[in-house]
Each structure stands twice: as C-alpha cells, then as structure tokens.
C-alpha cells in the first residue's frame, strides 16, 4: 500500500467521522441539555465538506498531473 493510498483512506475516515458527528449534533438541536449543538454540527459538516473537496482534488494539491491519477 502506498502512502498516497493510506492518506486517501485516512481522509475518507475523517470525512465519515465529520459528517456523521455533524449530523448527530444537528439531530440533537431541539433536545434539552447544554447548547451549542447547532454550532458544533455546522462546523463539523463544513469540515467534512472541506475534506471531500480536498480528497477530490488531492492530486492537484500534491502537484501531480491530472493524467497520472
């Protein structure tokens, strides 16, 4: 396994975590307890989407050609 494949897998795991945790926090917005669920949920959803953007353009960030995948 190459380092690039490992990095992609790690980023994919981070995406699943961020989107899952963000969704869970947004689901808890109306429930009693300490506030901040809307803020935390929104931040983690945005982080997950930023990681999706990064993963889709990883070759460009690393300086590889588009044709060399």
PDB file of N, CA and C in Angstrom:
ATOM      1  N   UNK A   1       0.848  -1.171   0.000  1.00  0.00           N
ATOM      2  CA  UNK A   1       0.000   0.000   0.000  1.00  0.00           C
ATOM      3  C   UNK A   1       0.896   1.237   0.000  1.00  0.00           C
ATOM      4  N   UNK A   2       0.603   2.137  -0.889  1.00  0.00           N
ATOM      5  CA  UNK A   2       1.409   3.343  -0.964  1.00  0.00           C
ATOM      6  C   UNK A   2       0.959   4.350   0.086  1.00  0.00           C
ATOM      7  N   UNK A   3       1.803   5.303   0.323  1.00  0.00           N
ATOM      8  CA  UNK A   3       1.490   6.348   1.295  1.00  0.00           C
ATOM      9  C   UNK A   3       0.299   7.179   0.833  1.00  0.00           C
ATOM     10  N   UNK A   4       0.173   7.381  -0.475  1.00  0.00           N
ATOM     11  CA  UNK A   4      -0.957   8.139  -1.011  1.00  0.00           C
ATOM     12  C   UNK A   4      -2.273   7.398  -0.786  1.00  0.00           C
ATOM     13  N   UNK A   5      -2.281   6.094  -0.970  1.00  0.00           N
ATOM     14  CA  UNK A   5      -3.491   5.308  -0.707  1.00  0.00           C
ATOM     15  C   UNK A   5      -3.860   5.345   0.765  1.00  0.00           C
ATOM     16  N   UNK A   6      -2.878   5.241   1.635  1.00  0.00           N
ATOM     17  CA  UNK A   6      -3.133   5.326   3.065  1.00  0.00           C
ATOM     18  C   UNK A   6      -3.708   6.694   3.430  1.00  0.00           C
ATOM     19  N   UNK A   7      -3.163   7.741   2.857  1.00  0.00           N
ATOM     20  CA  UNK A   7      -3.638   9.102   3.108  1.00  0.00           C
ATOM     21  C   UNK A   7      -5.091   9.259   2.645  1.00  0.00           C
ATOM     22  N   UNK A   8      -5.406   8.714   1.481  1.00  0.00           N
ATOM     23  CA  UNK A   8      -6.786   8.777   0.987  1.00  0.00           C
ATOM     24  C   UNK A   8      -7.745   8.037   1.920  1.00  0.00           C
ATOM     25  N   UNK A   9      -7.340   6.885   2.414  1.00  0.00           N
ATOM     26  CA  UNK A   9      -8.165   6.141   3.353  1.00  0.00           C
ATOM     27  C   UNK A   9      -8.370   6.892   4.659  1.00  0.00           C
ATOM     28  N   UNK A  10      -7.324   7.524   5.136  1.00  0.00           N
ATOM     29  CA  UNK A  10      -7.420   8.302   6.359  1.00  0.00           C
ATOM     30  C   UNK A  10      -8.337   9.510   6.182  1.00  0.00           C
ATOM     31  N   UNK A  11      -8.238  10.169   5.049  1.00  0.00           N
ATOM     32  CA  UNK A  11      -9.114  11.309   4.767  1.00  0.00           C
ATOM     33  C   UNK A  11     -10.561  10.834   4.636  1.00  0.00           C
ATOM     34  N   UNK A  12     -10.785   9.694   3.999  1.00  0.00           N
ATOM     35  CA  UNK A  12     -12.145   9.156   3.878  1.00  0.00           C
ATOM     36  C   UNK A  12     -12.734   8.853   5.254  1.00  0.00           C
ATOM     37  N   UNK A  13     -11.917   8.303   6.161  1.00  0.00           N
ATOM     38  CA  UNK A  13     -12.388   8.038   7.526  1.00  0.00           C
ATOM     39  C   UNK A  13     -12.726   9.343   8.242  1.00  0.00           C
ATOM     40  N   UNK A  14     -11.924  10.364   8.030  1.00  0.00           N
ATOM     41  CA  UNK A  14     -12.188  11.668   8.645  1.00  0.00           C
ATOM     42  C   UNK A  14     -13.476  12.279   8.099  1.00  0.00           C
ATOM     43  N   UNK A  15     -13.744  12.079   6.817  1.00  0.00           N
ATOM     44  CA  UNK A  15     -14.981  12.580   6.216  1.00  0.00           C
ATOM     45  C   UNK A  15     -16.185  11.907   6.862  1.00  0.00           C
ATOM     46  N   UNK A  16     -16.126  10.588   6.994  1.00  0.00           N
ATOM     47  CA  UNK A  16     -17.230   9.843   7.611  1.00  0.00           C
ATOM     48  C   UNK A  16     -17.448  10.320   9.041  1.00  0.00           C
ATOM     49  N   UNK A  17     -16.366  10.506   9.786  1.00  0.00           N
ATOM     50  CA  UNK A  17     -16.487  10.975  11.160  1.00  0.00           C
ATOM     51  C   UNK A  17     -17.103  12.372  11.219  1.00  0.00           C
ATOM     52  N   UNK A  18     -16.559  13.308  10.437  1.00  0.00           N
ATOM     53  CA  UNK A  18     -17.041  14.693  10.489  1.00  0.00           C
ATOM     54  C   UNK A  18     -18.508  14.799  10.081  1.00  0.00           C
ATOM     55  N   UNK A  19     -18.886  14.156   8.995  1.00  0.00           N
ATOM     56  CA  UNK A  19     -20.274  14.237   8.549  1.00  0.00           C
ATOM     57  C   UNK A  19     -21.208  13.503   9.505  1.00  0.00           C
ATOM     58  N   UNK A  20     -20.766  12.378  10.038  1.00  0.00           N
ATOM     59  CA  UNK A  20     -21.581  11.635  10.988  1.00  0.00           C
ATOM     60  C   UNK A  20     -21.773  12.397  12.285  1.00  0.00           C
ATOM     61  N   UNK A  21     -20.692  12.927  12.837  1.00  0.00           N
ATOM     62  CA  UNK A  21     -20.789  13.673  14.091  1.00  0.00           C
ATOM     63  C   UNK A  21     -21.567  14.976  13.886  1.00  0.00           C
ATOM     64  N   UNK A  22     -21.333  15.642  12.766  1.00  0.00           N
ATOM     65  CA  UNK A  22     -22.085  16.858  12.483  1.00  0.00           C
ATOM     66  C   UNK A  22     -23.575  16.602  12.358  1.00  0.00           C
ATOM     67  N   UNK A  23     -23.939  15.515  11.686  1.00  0.00           N
ATOM     68  CA  UNK A  23     -25.354  15.149  11.569  1.00  0.00           C
ATOM     69  C   UNK A  23     -25.964  14.804  12.909  1.00  0.00           C
ATOM     70  N   UNK A  24     -25.208  14.098  13.743  1.00  0.00           N
ATOM     71  CA  UNK A  24     -25.698  13.738  15.069  1.00  0.00           C
ATOM     72  C   UNK A  24     -25.930  14.982  15.924  1.00  0.00           C
ATOM     73  N   UNK A  25     -25.001  15.932  15.869  1.00  0.00           N
ATOM     74  CA  UNK A  25     -25.172  17.181  16.624  1.00  0.00           C
ATOM     75  C   UNK A  25     -26.356  17.979  16.101  1.00  0.00           C
ATOM     76  N   UNK A  26     -26.555  18.028  14.793  1.00  0.00           N
ATOM     77  CA  UNK A  26     -27.704  18.752  14.249  1.00  0.00           C
ATOM     78  C   UNK A  26     -29.011  18.058  14.620  1.00  0.00           C
ATOM     79  N   UNK A  27     -28.983  16.738  14.744  1.00  0.00           N
ATOM     80  CA  UNK A  27     -30.164  15.995  15.178  1.00  0.00           C
ATOM     81  C   UNK A  27     -30.528  16.332  16.620  1.00  0.00           C
ATOM     82  N   UNK A  28     -29.541  16.667  17.439  1.00  0.00           N
ATOM     83  CA  UNK A  28     -29.750  16.961  18.855  1.00  0.00           C
ATOM     84  C   UNK A  28     -30.133  18.412  19.129  1.00  0.00           C
ATOM     85  N   UNK A  29     -30.311  19.246  18.127  1.00  0.00           N
ATOM     86  CA  UNK A  29     -30.554  20.678  18.339  1.00  0.00           C
ATOM     87  C   UNK A  29     -31.750  20.926  19.240  1.00  0.00           C
ATOM     88  N   UNK A  30     -32.858  20.241  19.077  1.00  0.00           N
ATOM     89  CA  UNK A  30     -34.056  20.510  19.857  1.00  0.00           C
ATOM     90  C   UNK A  30     -34.109  19.832  21.206  1.00  0.00           C
ATOM     91  N   UNK A  31     -33.149  18.982  21.528  1.00  0.00           N
ATOM     92  CA  UNK A  31     -33.189  18.223  22.769  1.00  0.00           C
ATOM     93  C   UNK A  31     -32.651  19.051  23.931  1.00  0.00           C
ATOM     94  N   UNK A  32     -33.130  18.778  25.154  1.00  0.00           N
ATOM     95  CA  UNK A  32     -32.637  19.521  26.312  1.00  0.00           C
ATOM     96  C   UNK A  32     -31.180  19.171  26.614  1.00  0.00           C
ATOM     97  N   UNK A  33     -30.511  20.097  27.228  1.00  0.00           N
ATOM     98  CA  UNK A  33     -29.105  19.907  27.568  1.00  0.00           C
ATOM     99  C   UNK A  33     -28.329  21.156  27.240  1.00  0.00           C
ATOM    100  N   UNK A  34     -27.021  21.083  27.382  1.00  0.00           N
ATOM    101  CA  UNK A  34     -26.212  22.260  27.069  1.00  0.00           C
ATOM    102  C   UNK A  34     -26.338  22.641  25.595  1.00  0.00           C
ATOM    103  N   UNK A  35     -26.295  23.934  25.329  1.00  0.00           N
ATOM    104  CA  UNK A  35     -26.437  24.426  23.954  1.00  0.00           C
ATOM    105  C   UNK A  35     -25.173  24.223  23.147  1.00  0.00           C
ATOM    106  N   UNK A  36     -25.207  24.679  21.949  1.00  0.00           N
ATOM    107  CA  UNK A  36     -24.044  24.602  21.079  1.00  0.00           C
ATOM    108  C   UNK A  36     -24.119  23.511  20.043  1.00  0.00           C
ATOM    109  N   UNK A  37     -25.211  22.745  20.031  1.00  0.00           N
ATOM    110  CA  UNK A  37     -25.306  21.660  19.056  1.00  0.00           C
ATOM    111  C   UNK A  37     -25.370  22.184  17.627  1.00  0.00           C
ATOM    112  N   UNK A  38     -26.054  23.290  17.444  1.00  0.00           N
ATOM    113  CA  UNK A  38     -26.158  23.862  16.089  1.00  0.00           C
ATOM    114  C   UNK A  38     -24.782  24.316  15.600  1.00  0.00           C
ATOM    115  N   UNK A  39     -24.036  24.965  16.481  1.00  0.00           N
ATOM    116  CA  UNK A  39     -22.707  25.441  16.092  1.00  0.00           C
ATOM    117  C   UNK A  39     -21.765  24.275  15.816  1.00  0.00           C
ATOM    118  N   UNK A  40     -21.733  23.305  16.725  1.00  0.00           N
ATOM    119  CA  UNK A  40     -20.856  22.146  16.523  1.00  0.00           C
ATOM    120  C   UNK A  40     -21.236  21.365  15.276  1.00  0.00           C
ATOM    121  N   UNK A  41     -22.533  21.142  15.090  1.00  0.00           N
ATOM    122  CA  UNK A  41     -22.982  20.413  13.907  1.00  0.00           C
ATOM    123  C   UNK A  41     -22.602  21.117  12.628  1.00  0.00           C
ATOM    124  N   UNK A  42     -22.799  22.421  12.603  1.00  0.00           N
ATOM    125  CA  UNK A  42     -22.466  23.197  11.401  1.00  0.00           C
ATOM    126  C   UNK A  42     -20.975  23.172  11.114  1.00  0.00           C
ATOM    127  N   UNK A  43     -20.168  23.321  12.150  1.00  0.00           N
ATOM    128  CA  UNK A  43     -18.715  23.323  11.962  1.00  0.00           C
ATOM    129  C   UNK A  43     -18.232  21.977  11.431  1.00  0.00           C
ATOM    130  N   UNK A  44     -18.734  20.878  11.987  1.00  0.00           N
ATOM    131  CA  UNK A  44     -18.274  19.566  11.538  1.00  0.00           C
ATOM    132  C   UNK A  44     -18.789  19.223  10.149  1.00  0.00           C
ATOM    133  N   UNK A  45     -19.984  19.669   9.801  1.00  0.00           N
ATOM    134  CA  UNK A  45     -20.466  19.467   8.426  1.00  0.00           C
ATOM    135  C   UNK A  45     -19.573  20.231   7.453  1.00  0.00           C
ATOM    136  N   UNK A  46     -19.223  21.464   7.789  1.00  0.00           N
ATOM    137  CA  UNK A  46     -18.335  22.242   6.925  1.00  0.00           C
ATOM    138  C   UNK A  46     -16.949  21.607   6.828  1.00  0.00           C
ATOM    139  N   UNK A  47     -16.430  21.105   7.943  1.00  0.00           N
ATOM    140  CA  UNK A  47     -15.142  20.409   7.898  1.00  0.00           C
ATOM    141  C   UNK A  47     -15.205  19.165   7.017  1.00  0.00           C
ATOM    142  N   UNK A  48     -16.294  18.415   7.124  1.00  0.00           N
ATOM    143  CA  UNK A  48     -16.456  17.232   6.284  1.00  0.00           C
ATOM    144  C   UNK A  48     -16.509  17.585   4.807  1.00  0.00           C
ATOM    145  N   UNK A  49     -17.232  18.648   4.485  1.00  0.00           N
ATOM    146  CA  UNK A  49     -17.309  19.074   3.084  1.00  0.00           C
ATOM    147  C   UNK A  49     -15.961  19.589   2.581  1.00  0.00           C
ATOM    148  N   UNK A  50     -15.210  20.269   3.445  1.00  0.00           N
ATOM    149  CA  UNK A  50     -13.867  20.717   3.057  1.00  0.00           C
ATOM    150  C   UNK A  50     -12.953  19.522   2.805  1.00  0.00           C
ATOM    151  N   UNK A  51     -13.090  18.481   3.601  1.00  0.00           N
ATOM    152  CA  UNK A  51     -12.288  17.273   3.382  1.00  0.00           C
ATOM    153  C   UNK A  51     -12.691  16.546   2.100  1.00  0.00           C
ATOM    154  N   UNK A  52     -13.979  16.576   1.763  1.00  0.00           N
ATOM    155  CA  UNK A  52     -14.420  15.992   0.490  1.00  0.00           C
ATOM    156  C   UNK A  52     -13.765  16.749  -0.670  1.00  0.00           C
ATOM    157  N   UNK A  53     -13.771  18.076  -0.593  1.00  0.00           N
ATOM    158  CA  UNK A  53     -13.126  18.903  -1.622  1.00  0.00           C
ATOM    159  C   UNK A  53     -11.642  18.548  -1.729  1.00  0.00           C
ATOM    160  N   UNK A  54     -10.979  18.432  -0.575  1.00  0.00           N
ATOM    161  CA  UNK A  54      -9.560  18.094  -0.553  1.00  0.00           C
ATOM    162  C   UNK A  54      -9.299  16.719  -1.162  1.00  0.00           C
ATOM    163  N   UNK A  55     -10.126  15.732  -0.802  1.00  0.00           N
ATOM    164  CA  UNK A  55      -9.934  14.376  -1.312  1.00  0.00           C
ATOM    165  C   UNK A  55     -10.134  14.317  -2.824  1.00  0.00           C
ATOM    166  N   UNK A  56     -11.132  15.020  -3.329  1.00  0.00           N
ATOM    167  CA  UNK A  56     -11.390  15.002  -4.768  1.00  0.00           C
ATOM    168  C   UNK A  56     -10.284  15.686  -5.570  1.00  0.00           C
ATOM    169  N   UNK A  57      -9.564  16.598  -4.961  1.00  0.00           N
ATOM    170  CA  UNK A  57      -8.507  17.337  -5.649  1.00  0.00           C
ATOM    171  C   UNK A  57      -7.122  17.064  -5.062  1.00  0.00           C
ATOM    172  N   UNK A  58      -6.960  15.888  -4.465  1.00  0.00           N
ATOM    173  CA  UNK A  58      -5.709  15.551  -3.791  1.00  0.00           C
ATOM    174  C   UNK A  58      -4.523  15.575  -4.744  1.00  0.00           C
ATOM    175  N   UNK A  59      -4.688  15.046  -5.941  1.00  0.00           N
ATOM    176  CA  UNK A  59      -3.579  15.047  -6.905  1.00  0.00           C
ATOM    177  C   UNK A  59      -3.124  16.457  -7.226  1.00  0.00           C
ATOM    178  N   UNK A  60      -4.054  17.386  -7.357  1.00  0.00           N
ATOM    179  CA  UNK A  60      -3.696  18.765  -7.647  1.00  0.00           C
ATOM    180  C   UNK A  60      -2.961  19.390  -6.460  1.00  0.00           C
ATOM    181  N   UNK A  61      -3.401  19.102  -5.234  1.00  0.00           N
ATOM    182  CA  UNK A  61      -2.738  19.630  -4.043  1.00  0.00           C
ATOM    183  C   UNK A  61      -1.317  19.104  -3.931  1.00  0.00           C
ATOM    184  N   UNK A  62      -1.108  17.867  -4.357  1.00  0.00           N
ATOM    185  CA  UNK A  62       0.213  17.264  -4.265  1.00  0.00           C
ATOM    186  C   UNK A  62       1.107  17.583  -5.461  1.00  0.00           C
ATOM    187  N   UNK A  63       0.538  18.204  -6.477  1.00  0.00           N
ATOM    188  CA  UNK A  63       1.333  18.607  -7.625  1.00  0.00           C
ATOM    189  C   UNK A  63       1.452  17.566  -8.703  1.00  0.00           C
ATOM    190  N   UNK A  64       0.602  16.548  -8.697  1.00  0.00           N
ATOM    191  CA  UNK A  64       0.617  15.539  -9.743  1.00  0.00           C
ATOM    192  C   UNK A  64      -0.185  16.019 -10.950  1.00  0.00           C
ATOM    193  N   UNK A  65       0.150  15.474 -12.126  1.00  0.00           N
ATOM    194  CA  UNK A  65      -0.616  15.777 -13.326  1.00  0.00           C
ATOM    195  C   UNK A  65      -2.014  15.167 -13.206  1.00  0.00           C
ATOM    196  N   UNK A  66      -2.956  15.722 -13.911  1.00  0.00           N
ATOM    197  CA  UNK A  66      -4.318  15.176 -13.933  1.00  0.00           C
ATOM    198  C   UNK A  66      -4.336  13.806 -14.615  1.00  0.00           C
ATOM    199  N   UNK A  67      -3.467  13.571 -15.576  1.00  0.00           N
ATOM    200  CA  UNK A  67      -3.448  12.319 -16.324  1.00  0.00           C
ATOM    201  C   UNK A  67      -2.757  11.175 -15.601  1.00  0.00           C
ATOM    202  N   UNK A  68      -1.960  11.461 -14.581  1.00  0.00           N
ATOM    203  CA  UNK A  68      -1.201  10.414 -13.891  1.00  0.00           C
ATOM    204  C   UNK A  68      -1.929   9.778 -12.731  1.00  0.00           C
ATOM    205  N   UNK A  69      -3.158  10.252 -12.365  1.00  0.00           N
ATOM    206  CA  UNK A  69      -4.009   9.674 -11.342  1.00  0.00           C
ATOM    207  C   UNK A  69      -3.264   9.059 -10.247  1.00  0.00           C
TER     208      UNK A  69
END
